[in-house]
Amino acid sequence: MLEERFGRLPAGQLTVTYHETREARLMAKGDVETYHQDGQWKNRPEGNQRASSVHDTKAEAEAEGREMAVKRDAEHVIKKQDGTIGEKNTYPRSRDPREIPG
Protein backbone atom coordinates (compact mmCIF):
# COMPACT_ATOMS: atom_id res chain seq x y z
CA MET A 1 0.00 0.00 0.00
CA LEU A 2 2.80 2.45 0.84
CA GLU A 3 4.63 1.53 -2.35
CA GLU A 4 1.54 2.33 -4.41
CA ARG A 5 1.23 5.73 -2.82
CA PHE A 6 4.86 6.84 -2.42
CA GLY A 7 6.90 4.58 -4.67
CA ARG A 8 9.56 2.06 -3.72
CA LEU A 9 12.29 3.20 -1.35
CA PRO A 10 15.84 1.81 -1.30
CA ALA A 11 16.35 -1.02 1.20
CA GLY A 12 16.73 0.24 4.76
CA GLN A 13 15.41 3.71 3.98
CA LEU A 14 11.83 3.87 5.15
CA THR A 15 10.48 7.24 6.14
CA VAL A 16 7.15 7.39 7.91
CA THR A 17 5.30 10.61 8.61
CA TYR A 18 2.20 10.81 10.74
CA HIS A 19 0.08 13.40 12.46
CA GLU A 20 0.11 13.37 16.23
CA THR A 21 -2.87 14.35 18.30
CA ARG A 22 -2.65 17.55 20.34
CA GLU A 23 -2.45 15.48 23.54
CA ALA A 24 0.53 13.48 22.29
CA ARG A 25 2.42 16.66 21.40
CA LEU A 26 1.79 18.16 24.84
CA MET A 27 3.12 15.17 26.77
CA ALA A 28 6.56 13.66 26.37
CA LYS A 29 7.16 9.93 26.75
CA GLY A 30 6.75 8.93 30.38
CA ASP A 31 5.01 12.09 31.58
CA VAL A 32 2.19 11.54 34.08
CA GLU A 33 -1.27 13.00 33.53
CA THR A 34 -3.80 13.60 36.34
CA TYR A 35 -7.31 14.00 34.92
CA HIS A 36 -11.02 13.73 35.76
CA GLN A 37 -13.20 11.11 34.11
CA ASP A 38 -16.51 9.47 35.00
CA GLY A 39 -16.69 11.19 38.40
CA GLN A 40 -13.21 10.06 39.48
CA TRP A 41 -9.70 11.51 39.42
CA LYS A 42 -7.17 9.32 37.63
CA ASN A 43 -3.46 9.12 36.84
CA ARG A 44 -2.09 7.79 33.57
CA PRO A 45 1.52 7.69 32.39
CA GLU A 46 1.84 8.91 28.81
CA GLY A 47 1.46 6.03 26.39
CA ASN A 48 -0.88 4.01 28.61
CA GLN A 49 -4.44 3.45 27.44
CA ARG A 50 -5.87 3.04 30.94
CA ALA A 51 -5.40 4.80 34.26
CA SER A 52 -2.74 3.46 36.64
CA SER A 53 -4.57 4.77 39.70
CA VAL A 54 -8.09 5.98 40.52
CA HIS A 55 -9.04 8.37 43.36
CA ASP A 56 -12.11 10.01 44.87
CA THR A 57 -10.47 13.43 45.23
CA LYS A 58 -8.22 15.57 43.08
CA ALA A 59 -5.80 16.04 46.00
CA GLU A 60 -5.30 12.27 46.36
CA ALA A 61 -4.77 11.87 42.63
CA GLU A 62 -2.30 14.79 42.51
CA ALA A 63 -0.24 13.31 45.35
CA GLU A 64 -0.05 9.90 43.67
CA GLY A 65 0.66 11.48 40.27
CA ARG A 66 3.48 13.54 41.78
CA GLU A 67 5.08 10.39 43.25
CA MET A 68 4.81 8.65 39.88
CA ALA A 69 6.42 11.63 38.08
CA VAL A 70 9.25 11.85 40.64
CA LYS A 71 10.02 8.13 40.21
CA ARG A 72 10.06 8.53 36.41
CA ASP A 73 11.98 11.84 36.33
CA ALA A 74 9.09 13.16 34.26
CA GLU A 75 6.62 16.01 34.00
CA HIS A 76 3.34 15.89 35.93
CA VAL A 77 0.46 17.39 33.93
CA ILE A 78 -2.50 18.20 36.18
CA LYS A 79 -5.75 18.87 34.36
CA LYS A 80 -8.80 20.73 35.60
CA GLN A 81 -12.17 19.03 35.75
CA ASP A 82 -13.03 20.49 32.31
CA GLY A 83 -9.95 18.79 30.79
CA THR A 84 -7.79 21.89 30.28
CA ILE A 85 -4.27 21.93 31.67
CA GLY A 86 -4.20 23.62 35.05
CA GLU A 87 -0.63 22.97 36.09
CA LYS A 88 2.62 21.34 34.94
CA ASN A 89 5.46 20.35 37.24
CA THR A 90 8.81 18.94 36.13
CA TYR A 91 10.76 16.43 38.24
CA PRO A 92 13.54 16.80 39.13
CA ARG A 93 13.28 20.59 39.10
CA SER A 94 16.69 20.82 37.40
CA ARG A 95 15.06 19.43 34.21
CA ASP A 96 12.57 22.32 34.03
CA PRO A 97 13.29 24.16 30.76
CA ARG A 98 11.81 27.41 32.05
CA GLU A 99 13.88 29.75 34.18
CA ILE A 100 11.02 31.20 36.20
CA PRO A 101 10.24 30.49 39.82
CA GLY A 102 7.27 28.28 40.66
PDB file of N, CA and C in Angstrom:
ATOM      1  N   MET A   1       0.809  -1.188   0.000  1.00  0.00           N
ATOM      2  CA  MET A   1       0.000   0.000   0.000  1.00  0.00           C
ATOM      3  C   MET A   1       0.859   1.261   0.000  1.00  0.00           C
ATOM      4  N   LEU A   2       1.911   1.292   0.826  1.00  0.00           N
ATOM      5  CA  LEU A   2       2.799   2.454   0.836  1.00  0.00           C
ATOM      6  C   LEU A   2       3.533   2.609  -0.490  1.00  0.00           C
ATOM      7  N   GLU A   3       3.928   1.470  -1.072  1.00  0.00           N
ATOM      8  CA  GLU A   3       4.628   1.534  -2.353  1.00  0.00           C
ATOM      9  C   GLU A   3       3.740   2.147  -3.435  1.00  0.00           C
ATOM     10  N   GLU A   4       2.465   1.784  -3.417  1.00  0.00           N
ATOM     11  CA  GLU A   4       1.540   2.327  -4.409  1.00  0.00           C
ATOM     12  C   GLU A   4       1.420   3.839  -4.275  1.00  0.00           C
ATOM     13  N   ARG A   5       1.440   4.304  -3.063  1.00  0.00           N
ATOM     14  CA  ARG A   5       1.228   5.734  -2.819  1.00  0.00           C
ATOM     15  C   ARG A   5       2.502   6.565  -2.957  1.00  0.00           C
ATOM     16  N   PHE A   6       3.633   6.039  -2.475  1.00  0.00           N
ATOM     17  CA  PHE A   6       4.855   6.839  -2.419  1.00  0.00           C
ATOM     18  C   PHE A   6       5.995   6.317  -3.275  1.00  0.00           C
ATOM     19  N   GLY A   7       5.834   5.158  -3.875  1.00  0.00           N
ATOM     20  CA  GLY A   7       6.905   4.582  -4.670  1.00  0.00           C
ATOM     21  C   GLY A   7       7.810   3.719  -3.812  1.00  0.00           C
ATOM     22  N   ARG A   8       8.668   2.968  -4.439  1.00  0.00           N
ATOM     23  CA  ARG A   8       9.559   2.055  -3.719  1.00  0.00           C
ATOM     24  C   ARG A   8      10.772   2.816  -3.213  1.00  0.00           C
ATOM     25  N   LEU A   9      11.122   2.577  -1.952  1.00  0.00           N
ATOM     26  CA  LEU A   9      12.295   3.202  -1.346  1.00  0.00           C
ATOM     27  C   LEU A   9      13.453   2.211  -1.344  1.00  0.00           C
ATOM     28  N   PRO A  10      14.684   2.712  -1.398  1.00  0.00           N
ATOM     29  CA  PRO A  10      15.838   1.809  -1.303  1.00  0.00           C
ATOM     30  C   PRO A  10      15.804   1.040   0.013  1.00  0.00           C
ATOM     31  N   ALA A  11      16.354  -0.173   0.010  1.00  0.00           N
ATOM     32  CA  ALA A  11      16.350  -1.020   1.204  1.00  0.00           C
ATOM     33  C   ALA A  11      16.935  -0.274   2.403  1.00  0.00           C
ATOM     34  N   GLY A  12      16.253  -0.388   3.527  1.00  0.00           N
ATOM     35  CA  GLY A  12      16.734   0.236   4.759  1.00  0.00           C
ATOM     36  C   GLY A  12      16.415   1.708   4.892  1.00  0.00           C
ATOM     37  N   GLN A  13      15.728   2.286   3.930  1.00  0.00           N
ATOM     38  CA  GLN A  13      15.406   3.712   3.976  1.00  0.00           C
ATOM     39  C   GLN A  13      13.900   3.926   3.941  1.00  0.00           C
ATOM     40  N   LEU A  14      13.270   3.681   5.050  1.00  0.00           N
ATOM     41  CA  LEU A  14      11.833   3.872   5.149  1.00  0.00           C
ATOM     42  C   LEU A  14      11.572   5.110   5.991  1.00  0.00           C
ATOM     43  N   THR A  15      10.843   6.027   5.439  1.00  0.00           N
ATOM     44  CA  THR A  15      10.483   7.245   6.145  1.00  0.00           C
ATOM     45  C   THR A  15       8.981   7.248   6.353  1.00  0.00           C
ATOM     46  N   VAL A  16       8.571   7.379   7.598  1.00  0.00           N
ATOM     47  CA  VAL A  16       7.152   7.390   7.915  1.00  0.00           C
ATOM     48  C   VAL A  16       6.810   8.720   8.554  1.00  0.00           C
ATOM     49  N   THR A  17       5.779   9.363   8.053  1.00  0.00           N
ATOM     50  CA  THR A  17       5.305  10.615   8.607  1.00  0.00           C
ATOM     51  C   THR A  17       3.874  10.409   9.084  1.00  0.00           C
ATOM     52  N   TYR A  18       3.560  10.930  10.246  1.00  0.00           N
ATOM     53  CA  TYR A  18       2.203  10.806  10.744  1.00  0.00           C
ATOM     54  C   TYR A  18       1.842  12.061  11.508  1.00  0.00           C
ATOM     55  N   HIS A  19       0.567  12.250  11.716  1.00  0.00           N
ATOM     56  CA  HIS A  19       0.084  13.404  12.459  1.00  0.00           C
ATOM     57  C   HIS A  19      -0.224  12.976  13.883  1.00  0.00           C
ATOM     58  N   GLU A  20       0.366  13.666  14.827  1.00  0.00           N
ATOM     59  CA  GLU A  20       0.111  13.370  16.226  1.00  0.00           C
ATOM     60  C   GLU A  20      -1.124  14.134  16.683  1.00  0.00           C
ATOM     61  N   THR A  21      -1.771  13.613  17.699  1.00  0.00           N
ATOM     62  CA  THR A  21      -2.873  14.350  18.298  1.00  0.00           C
ATOM     63  C   THR A  21      -2.287  15.456  19.156  1.00  0.00           C
ATOM     64  N   ARG A  22      -3.099  16.434  19.496  1.00  0.00           N
ATOM     65  CA  ARG A  22      -2.651  17.546  20.337  1.00  0.00           C
ATOM     66  C   ARG A  22      -2.152  17.025  21.680  1.00  0.00           C
ATOM     67  N   GLU A  23      -2.842  16.048  22.245  1.00  0.00           N
ATOM     68  CA  GLU A  23      -2.447  15.481  23.538  1.00  0.00           C
ATOM     69  C   GLU A  23      -1.050  14.881  23.459  1.00  0.00           C
ATOM     70  N   ALA A  24      -0.769  14.130  22.410  1.00  0.00           N
ATOM     71  CA  ALA A  24       0.527  13.484  22.291  1.00  0.00           C
ATOM     72  C   ALA A  24       1.646  14.510  22.194  1.00  0.00           C
ATOM     73  N   ARG A  25       1.388  15.634  21.521  1.00  0.00           N
ATOM     74  CA  ARG A  25       2.421  16.661  21.404  1.00  0.00           C
ATOM     75  C   ARG A  25       2.661  17.359  22.733  1.00  0.00           C
ATOM     76  N   LEU A  26       1.649  17.454  23.573  1.00  0.00           N
ATOM     77  CA  LEU A  26       1.789  18.159  24.840  1.00  0.00           C
ATOM     78  C   LEU A  26       2.532  17.338  25.884  1.00  0.00           C
ATOM     79  N   MET A  27       2.510  16.031  25.763  1.00  0.00           N
ATOM     80  CA  MET A  27       3.121  15.174  26.768  1.00  0.00           C
ATOM     81  C   MET A  27       4.273  14.381  26.169  1.00  0.00           C
ATOM     82  N   ALA A  28       5.409  14.440  26.808  1.00  0.00           N
ATOM     83  CA  ALA A  28       6.558  13.662  26.366  1.00  0.00           C
ATOM     84  C   ALA A  28       6.429  12.235  26.909  1.00  0.00           C
ATOM     85  N   LYS A  29       7.193  11.329  26.339  1.00  0.00           N
ATOM     86  CA  LYS A  29       7.158   9.933  26.752  1.00  0.00           C
ATOM     87  C   LYS A  29       7.438   9.818  28.241  1.00  0.00           C
ATOM     88  N   GLY A  30       6.548   9.159  28.962  1.00  0.00           N
ATOM     89  CA  GLY A  30       6.752   8.928  30.380  1.00  0.00           C
ATOM     90  C   GLY A  30       6.122   9.961  31.286  1.00  0.00           C
ATOM     91  N   ASP A  31       5.658  11.086  30.738  1.00  0.00           N
ATOM     92  CA  ASP A  31       5.006  12.090  31.575  1.00  0.00           C
ATOM     93  C   ASP A  31       3.755  11.491  32.204  1.00  0.00           C
ATOM     94  N   VAL A  32       3.351  12.040  33.351  1.00  0.00           N
ATOM     95  CA  VAL A  32       2.188  11.537  34.076  1.00  0.00           C
ATOM     96  C   VAL A  32       1.076  12.575  34.005  1.00  0.00           C
ATOM     97  N   GLU A  33      -0.117  12.129  33.664  1.00  0.00           N
ATOM     98  CA  GLU A  33      -1.272  13.004  33.532  1.00  0.00           C
ATOM     99  C   GLU A  33      -2.271  12.688  34.645  1.00  0.00           C
ATOM    100  N   THR A  34      -2.724  13.723  35.364  1.00  0.00           N
ATOM    101  CA  THR A  34      -3.801  13.601  36.339  1.00  0.00           C
ATOM    102  C   THR A  34      -5.031  14.245  35.709  1.00  0.00           C
ATOM    103  N   TYR A  35      -6.138  13.515  35.625  1.00  0.00           N
ATOM    104  CA  TYR A  35      -7.312  14.004  34.917  1.00  0.00           C
ATOM    105  C   TYR A  35      -8.596  13.484  35.567  1.00  0.00           C
ATOM    106  N   HIS A  36      -9.717  14.108  35.226  1.00  0.00           N
ATOM    107  CA  HIS A  36     -11.025  13.728  35.756  1.00  0.00           C
ATOM    108  C   HIS A  36     -11.818  13.010  34.676  1.00  0.00           C
ATOM    109  N   GLN A  37     -12.408  11.863  35.064  1.00  0.00           N
ATOM    110  CA  GLN A  37     -13.201  11.105  34.107  1.00  0.00           C
ATOM    111  C   GLN A  37     -14.222  10.255  34.860  1.00  0.00           C
ATOM    112  N   ASP A  38     -15.440  10.289  34.418  1.00  0.00           N
ATOM    113  CA  ASP A  38     -16.507   9.470  35.000  1.00  0.00           C
ATOM    114  C   ASP A  38     -16.637   9.649  36.518  1.00  0.00           C
ATOM    115  N   GLY A  39     -16.514  10.891  36.980  1.00  0.00           N
ATOM    116  CA  GLY A  39     -16.692  11.186  38.399  1.00  0.00           C
ATOM    117  C   GLY A  39     -15.523  10.812  39.293  1.00  0.00           C
ATOM    118  N   GLN A  40     -14.396  10.446  38.698  1.00  0.00           N
ATOM    119  CA  GLN A  40     -13.213  10.059  39.479  1.00  0.00           C
ATOM    120  C   GLN A  40     -11.976  10.770  38.937  1.00  0.00           C
ATOM    121  N   TRP A  41     -11.000  10.946  39.811  1.00  0.00           N
ATOM    122  CA  TRP A  41      -9.704  11.512  39.415  1.00  0.00           C
ATOM    123  C   TRP A  41      -8.754  10.359  39.170  1.00  0.00           C
ATOM    124  N   LYS A  42      -8.017  10.439  38.050  1.00  0.00           N
ATOM    125  CA  LYS A  42      -7.170   9.321  37.629  1.00  0.00           C
ATOM    126  C   LYS A  42      -5.776   9.807  37.244  1.00  0.00           C
ATOM    127  N   ASN A  43      -4.825   8.872  37.291  1.00  0.00           N
ATOM    128  CA  ASN A  43      -3.456   9.116  36.838  1.00  0.00           C
ATOM    129  C   ASN A  43      -3.133   8.127  35.744  1.00  0.00           C
ATOM    130  N   ARG A  44      -2.467   8.641  34.690  1.00  0.00           N
ATOM    131  CA  ARG A  44      -2.091   7.786  33.575  1.00  0.00           C
ATOM    132  C   ARG A  44      -0.733   8.235  33.056  1.00  0.00           C
ATOM    133  N   PRO A  45       0.258   7.349  33.056  1.00  0.00           N
ATOM    134  CA  PRO A  45       1.520   7.685  32.393  1.00  0.00           C
ATOM    135  C   PRO A  45       1.289   7.790  30.898  1.00  0.00           C
ATOM    136  N   GLU A  46       1.967   8.706  30.249  1.00  0.00           N
ATOM    137  CA  GLU A  46       1.842   8.912  28.806  1.00  0.00           C
ATOM    138  C   GLU A  46       2.127   7.592  28.107  1.00  0.00           C
ATOM    139  N   GLY A  47       1.302   7.270  27.143  1.00  0.00           N
ATOM    140  CA  GLY A  47       1.462   6.031  26.392  1.00  0.00           C
ATOM    141  C   GLY A  47       0.532   4.923  26.869  1.00  0.00           C
ATOM    142  N   ASN A  48       0.061   5.007  28.100  1.00  0.00           N
ATOM    143  CA  ASN A  48      -0.882   4.008  28.613  1.00  0.00           C
ATOM    144  C   ASN A  48      -2.292   4.324  28.133  1.00  0.00           C
ATOM    145  N   GLN A  49      -3.052   3.287  27.852  1.00  0.00           N
ATOM    146  CA  GLN A  49      -4.445   3.452  27.442  1.00  0.00           C
ATOM    147  C   GLN A  49      -5.345   3.674  28.655  1.00  0.00           C
ATOM    148  N   ARG A  50      -5.024   2.999  29.762  1.00  0.00           N
ATOM    149  CA  ARG A  50      -5.870   3.040  30.943  1.00  0.00           C
ATOM    150  C   ARG A  50      -5.143   3.708  32.108  1.00  0.00           C
ATOM    151  N   ALA A  51      -5.942   4.146  33.072  1.00  0.00           N
ATOM    152  CA  ALA A  51      -5.395   4.798  34.260  1.00  0.00           C
ATOM    153  C   ALA A  51      -4.609   3.797  35.105  1.00  0.00           C
ATOM    154  N   SER A  52      -3.533   4.284  35.729  1.00  0.00           N
ATOM    155  CA  SER A  52      -2.744   3.458  36.640  1.00  0.00           C
ATOM    156  C   SER A  52      -3.282   3.532  38.060  1.00  0.00           C
ATOM    157  N   SER A  53      -3.975   4.636  38.378  1.00  0.00           N
ATOM    158  CA  SER A  53      -4.574   4.768  39.701  1.00  0.00           C
ATOM    159  C   SER A  53      -5.847   5.602  39.600  1.00  0.00           C
ATOM    160  N   VAL A  54      -6.797   5.315  40.498  1.00  0.00           N
ATOM    161  CA  VAL A  54      -8.093   5.983  40.524  1.00  0.00           C
ATOM    162  C   VAL A  54      -8.346   6.484  41.938  1.00  0.00           C
ATOM    163  N   HIS A  55      -8.857   7.736  42.053  1.00  0.00           N
ATOM    164  CA  HIS A  55      -9.039   8.369  43.362  1.00  0.00           C
ATOM    165  C   HIS A  55     -10.367   9.107  43.430  1.00  0.00           C
ATOM    166  N   ASP A  56     -10.859   9.282  44.660  1.00  0.00           N
ATOM    167  CA  ASP A  56     -12.110  10.011  44.872  1.00  0.00           C
ATOM    168  C   ASP A  56     -11.913  11.517  44.823  1.00  0.00           C
ATOM    169  N   THR A  57     -10.710  11.993  45.206  1.00  0.00           N
ATOM    170  CA  THR A  57     -10.471  13.435  45.228  1.00  0.00           C
ATOM    171  C   THR A  57      -9.288  13.809  44.337  1.00  0.00           C
ATOM    172  N   LYS A  58      -9.312  15.051  43.897  1.00  0.00           N
ATOM    173  CA  LYS A  58      -8.219  15.566  43.077  1.00  0.00           C
ATOM    174  C   LYS A  58      -6.919  15.598  43.876  1.00  0.00           C
ATOM    175  N   ALA A  59      -6.998  15.963  45.158  1.00  0.00           N
ATOM    176  CA  ALA A  59      -5.797  16.042  45.999  1.00  0.00           C
ATOM    177  C   ALA A  59      -5.098  14.686  46.107  1.00  0.00           C
ATOM    178  N   GLU A  60      -5.883  13.612  46.290  1.00  0.00           N
ATOM    179  CA  GLU A  60      -5.301  12.268  46.361  1.00  0.00           C
ATOM    180  C   GLU A  60      -4.634  11.895  45.039  1.00  0.00           C
ATOM    181  N   ALA A  61      -5.312  12.206  43.948  1.00  0.00           N
ATOM    182  CA  ALA A  61      -4.769  11.874  42.626  1.00  0.00           C
ATOM    183  C   ALA A  61      -3.496  12.672  42.349  1.00  0.00           C
ATOM    184  N   GLU A  62      -3.491  13.960  42.717  1.00  0.00           N
ATOM    185  CA  GLU A  62      -2.299  14.785  42.513  1.00  0.00           C
ATOM    186  C   GLU A  62      -1.108  14.235  43.283  1.00  0.00           C
ATOM    187  N   ALA A  63      -1.341  13.842  44.531  1.00  0.00           N
ATOM    188  CA  ALA A  63      -0.244  13.312  45.353  1.00  0.00           C
ATOM    189  C   ALA A  63       0.342  12.046  44.738  1.00  0.00           C
ATOM    190  N   GLU A  64      -0.524  11.144  44.300  1.00  0.00           N
ATOM    191  CA  GLU A  64      -0.055   9.904  43.667  1.00  0.00           C
ATOM    192  C   GLU A  64       0.633  10.201  42.334  1.00  0.00           C
ATOM    193  N   GLY A  65       0.061  11.103  41.545  1.00  0.00           N
ATOM    194  CA  GLY A  65       0.663  11.475  40.268  1.00  0.00           C
ATOM    195  C   GLY A  65       2.037  12.105  40.448  1.00  0.00           C
ATOM    196  N   ARG A  66       2.186  12.922  41.478  1.00  0.00           N
ATOM    197  CA  ARG A  66       3.481  13.538  41.781  1.00  0.00           C
ATOM    198  C   ARG A  66       4.519  12.465  42.083  1.00  0.00           C
ATOM    199  N   GLU A  67       4.145  11.483  42.919  1.00  0.00           N
ATOM    200  CA  GLU A  67       5.077  10.389  43.246  1.00  0.00           C
ATOM    201  C   GLU A  67       5.479   9.624  41.989  1.00  0.00           C
ATOM    202  N   MET A  68       4.511   9.366  41.128  1.00  0.00           N
ATOM    203  CA  MET A  68       4.813   8.653  39.878  1.00  0.00           C
ATOM    204  C   MET A  68       5.788   9.456  39.014  1.00  0.00           C
ATOM    205  N   ALA A  69       5.564  10.771  38.900  1.00  0.00           N
ATOM    206  CA  ALA A  69       6.422  11.630  38.082  1.00  0.00           C
ATOM    207  C   ALA A  69       7.832  11.710  38.666  1.00  0.00           C
ATOM    208  N   VAL A  70       7.934  11.791  39.990  1.00  0.00           N
ATOM    209  CA  VAL A  70       9.246  11.849  40.638  1.00  0.00           C
ATOM    210  C   VAL A  70      10.021  10.564  40.357  1.00  0.00           C
ATOM    211  N   LYS A  71       9.362   9.420  40.473  1.00  0.00           N
ATOM    212  CA  LYS A  71      10.020   8.127  40.213  1.00  0.00           C
ATOM    213  C   LYS A  71      10.475   8.001  38.761  1.00  0.00           C
ATOM    214  N   ARG A  72       9.752   8.622  37.836  1.00  0.00           N
ATOM    215  CA  ARG A  72      10.057   8.529  36.406  1.00  0.00           C
ATOM    216  C   ARG A  72      10.958   9.653  35.907  1.00  0.00           C
ATOM    217  N   ASP A  73      11.271  10.629  36.775  1.00  0.00           N
ATOM    218  CA  ASP A  73      11.981  11.839  36.327  1.00  0.00           C
ATOM    219  C   ASP A  73      11.227  12.430  35.133  1.00  0.00           C
ATOM    220  N   ALA A  74       9.964  12.724  35.345  1.00  0.00           N
ATOM    221  CA  ALA A  74       9.085  13.161  34.261  1.00  0.00           C
ATOM    222  C   ALA A  74       8.312  14.413  34.649  1.00  0.00           C
ATOM    223  N   GLU A  75       7.483  14.873  33.737  1.00  0.00           N
ATOM    224  CA  GLU A  75       6.623  16.011  33.997  1.00  0.00           C
ATOM    225  C   GLU A  75       5.263  15.501  34.471  1.00  0.00           C
ATOM    226  N   HIS A  76       4.673  16.217  35.426  1.00  0.00           N
ATOM    227  CA  HIS A  76       3.342  15.887  35.931  1.00  0.00           C
ATOM    228  C   HIS A  76       2.380  16.936  35.394  1.00  0.00           C
ATOM    229  N   VAL A  77       1.458  16.509  34.540  1.00  0.00           N
ATOM    230  CA  VAL A  77       0.465  17.393  33.927  1.00  0.00           C
ATOM    231  C   VAL A  77      -0.840  17.207  34.700  1.00  0.00           C
ATOM    232  N   ILE A  78      -1.285  18.259  35.380  1.00  0.00           N
ATOM    233  CA  ILE A  78      -2.499  18.198  36.182  1.00  0.00           C
ATOM    234  C   ILE A  78      -3.594  18.962  35.450  1.00  0.00           C
ATOM    235  N   LYS A  79      -4.659  18.249  35.108  1.00  0.00           N
ATOM    236  CA  LYS A  79      -5.745  18.871  34.358  1.00  0.00           C
ATOM    237  C   LYS A  79      -6.878  19.285  35.299  1.00  0.00           C
ATOM    238  N   LYS A  80      -7.615  20.299  34.875  1.00  0.00           N
ATOM    239  CA  LYS A  80      -8.800  20.728  35.596  1.00  0.00           C
ATOM    240  C   LYS A  80      -9.941  19.767  35.269  1.00  0.00           C
ATOM    241  N   GLN A  81     -11.042  19.915  35.975  1.00  0.00           N
ATOM    242  CA  GLN A  81     -12.169  19.030  35.748  1.00  0.00           C
ATOM    243  C   GLN A  81     -12.700  19.142  34.313  1.00  0.00           C
ATOM    244  N   ASP A  82     -12.545  20.310  33.694  1.00  0.00           N
ATOM    245  CA  ASP A  82     -13.025  20.492  32.314  1.00  0.00           C
ATOM    246  C   ASP A  82     -12.049  19.951  31.266  1.00  0.00           C
ATOM    247  N   GLY A  83     -10.908  19.406  31.702  1.00  0.00           N
ATOM    248  CA  GLY A  83      -9.952  18.793  30.785  1.00  0.00           C
ATOM    249  C   GLY A  83      -8.825  19.696  30.330  1.00  0.00           C
ATOM    250  N   THR A  84      -8.884  20.986  30.657  1.00  0.00           N
ATOM    251  CA  THR A  84      -7.794  21.886  30.285  1.00  0.00           C
ATOM    252  C   THR A  84      -6.639  21.727  31.264  1.00  0.00           C
ATOM    253  N   ILE A  85      -5.442  22.055  30.812  1.00  0.00           N
ATOM    254  CA  ILE A  85      -4.266  21.930  31.668  1.00  0.00           C
ATOM    255  C   ILE A  85      -4.276  23.045  32.701  1.00  0.00           C
ATOM    256  N   GLY A  86      -4.207  22.655  33.970  1.00  0.00           N
ATOM    257  CA  GLY A  86      -4.202  23.622  35.052  1.00  0.00           C
ATOM    258  C   GLY A  86      -2.806  23.871  35.586  1.00  0.00           C
ATOM    259  N   GLU A  87      -1.953  22.864  35.488  1.00  0.00           N
ATOM    260  CA  GLU A  87      -0.627  22.968  36.092  1.00  0.00           C
ATOM    261  C   GLU A  87       0.302  21.926  35.472  1.00  0.00           C
ATOM    262  N   LYS A  88       1.582  22.274  35.382  1.00  0.00           N
ATOM    263  CA  LYS A  88       2.621  21.341  34.935  1.00  0.00           C
ATOM    264  C   LYS A  88       3.797  21.471  35.889  1.00  0.00           C
ATOM    265  N   ASN A  89       4.301  20.351  36.348  1.00  0.00           N
ATOM    266  CA  ASN A  89       5.457  20.347  37.237  1.00  0.00           C
ATOM    267  C   ASN A  89       6.479  19.351  36.701  1.00  0.00           C
ATOM    268  N   THR A  90       7.736  19.779  36.646  1.00  0.00           N
ATOM    269  CA  THR A  90       8.807  18.944  36.127  1.00  0.00           C
ATOM    270  C   THR A  90       9.629  18.385  37.279  1.00  0.00           C
ATOM    271  N   TYR A  91       9.944  17.094  37.229  1.00  0.00           N
ATOM    272  CA  TYR A  91      10.760  16.431  38.244  1.00  0.00           C
ATOM    273  C   TYR A  91      11.920  15.726  37.571  1.00  0.00           C
ATOM    274  N   PRO A  92      13.141  15.842  38.099  1.00  0.00           N
ATOM    275  CA  PRO A  92      13.538  16.799  39.134  1.00  0.00           C
ATOM    276  C   PRO A  92      13.483  18.223  38.588  1.00  0.00           C
ATOM    277  N   ARG A  93      13.416  19.186  39.483  1.00  0.00           N
ATOM    278  CA  ARG A  93      13.283  20.590  39.100  1.00  0.00           C
ATOM    279  C   ARG A  93      14.404  21.040  38.165  1.00  0.00           C
ATOM    280  N   SER A  94      15.563  20.433  38.258  1.00  0.00           N
ATOM    281  CA  SER A  94      16.693  20.818  37.402  1.00  0.00           C
ATOM    282  C   SER A  94      16.409  20.554  35.920  1.00  0.00           C
ATOM    283  N   ARG A  95      15.427  19.710  35.608  1.00  0.00           N
ATOM    284  CA  ARG A  95      15.057  19.428  34.212  1.00  0.00           C
ATOM    285  C   ARG A  95      14.096  20.459  33.646  1.00  0.00           C
ATOM    286  N   ASP A  96      13.561  21.341  34.481  1.00  0.00           N
ATOM    287  CA  ASP A  96      12.573  22.322  34.028  1.00  0.00           C
ATOM    288  C   ASP A  96      13.216  23.250  33.010  1.00  0.00           C
ATOM    289  N   PRO A  97      12.679  23.322  31.787  1.00  0.00           N
ATOM    290  CA  PRO A  97      13.286  24.157  30.755  1.00  0.00           C
ATOM    291  C   PRO A  97      13.068  25.643  30.978  1.00  0.00           C
ATOM    292  N   ARG A  98      12.090  26.002  31.808  1.00  0.00           N
ATOM    293  CA  ARG A  98      11.807  27.410  32.053  1.00  0.00           C
ATOM    294  C   ARG A  98      12.660  27.929  33.201  1.00  0.00           C
ATOM    295  N   GLU A  99      13.053  29.153  33.113  1.00  0.00           N
ATOM    296  CA  GLU A  99      13.876  29.745  34.181  1.00  0.00           C
ATOM    297  C   GLU A  99      13.062  30.750  34.988  1.00  0.00           C
ATOM    298  N   ILE A 100      11.847  30.344  35.367  1.00  0.00           N
ATOM    299  CA  ILE A 100      11.021  31.199  36.198  1.00  0.00           C
ATOM    300  C   ILE A 100      10.704  30.458  37.493  1.00  0.00           C
ATOM    301  N   PRO A 101      10.559  31.173  38.586  1.00  0.00           N
ATOM    302  CA  PRO A 101      10.241  30.486  39.823  1.00  0.00           C
ATOM    303  C   PRO A 101       8.823  29.909  39.785  1.00  0.00           C
ATOM    304  N   GLY A 102       8.630  28.840  40.546  1.00  0.00           N
ATOM    305  CA  GLY A 102       7.274  28.280  40.656  1.00  0.00           C
ATOM    306  C   GLY A 102       7.102  26.936  40.081  1.00  0.00           C
TER     307      GLY A 102
END
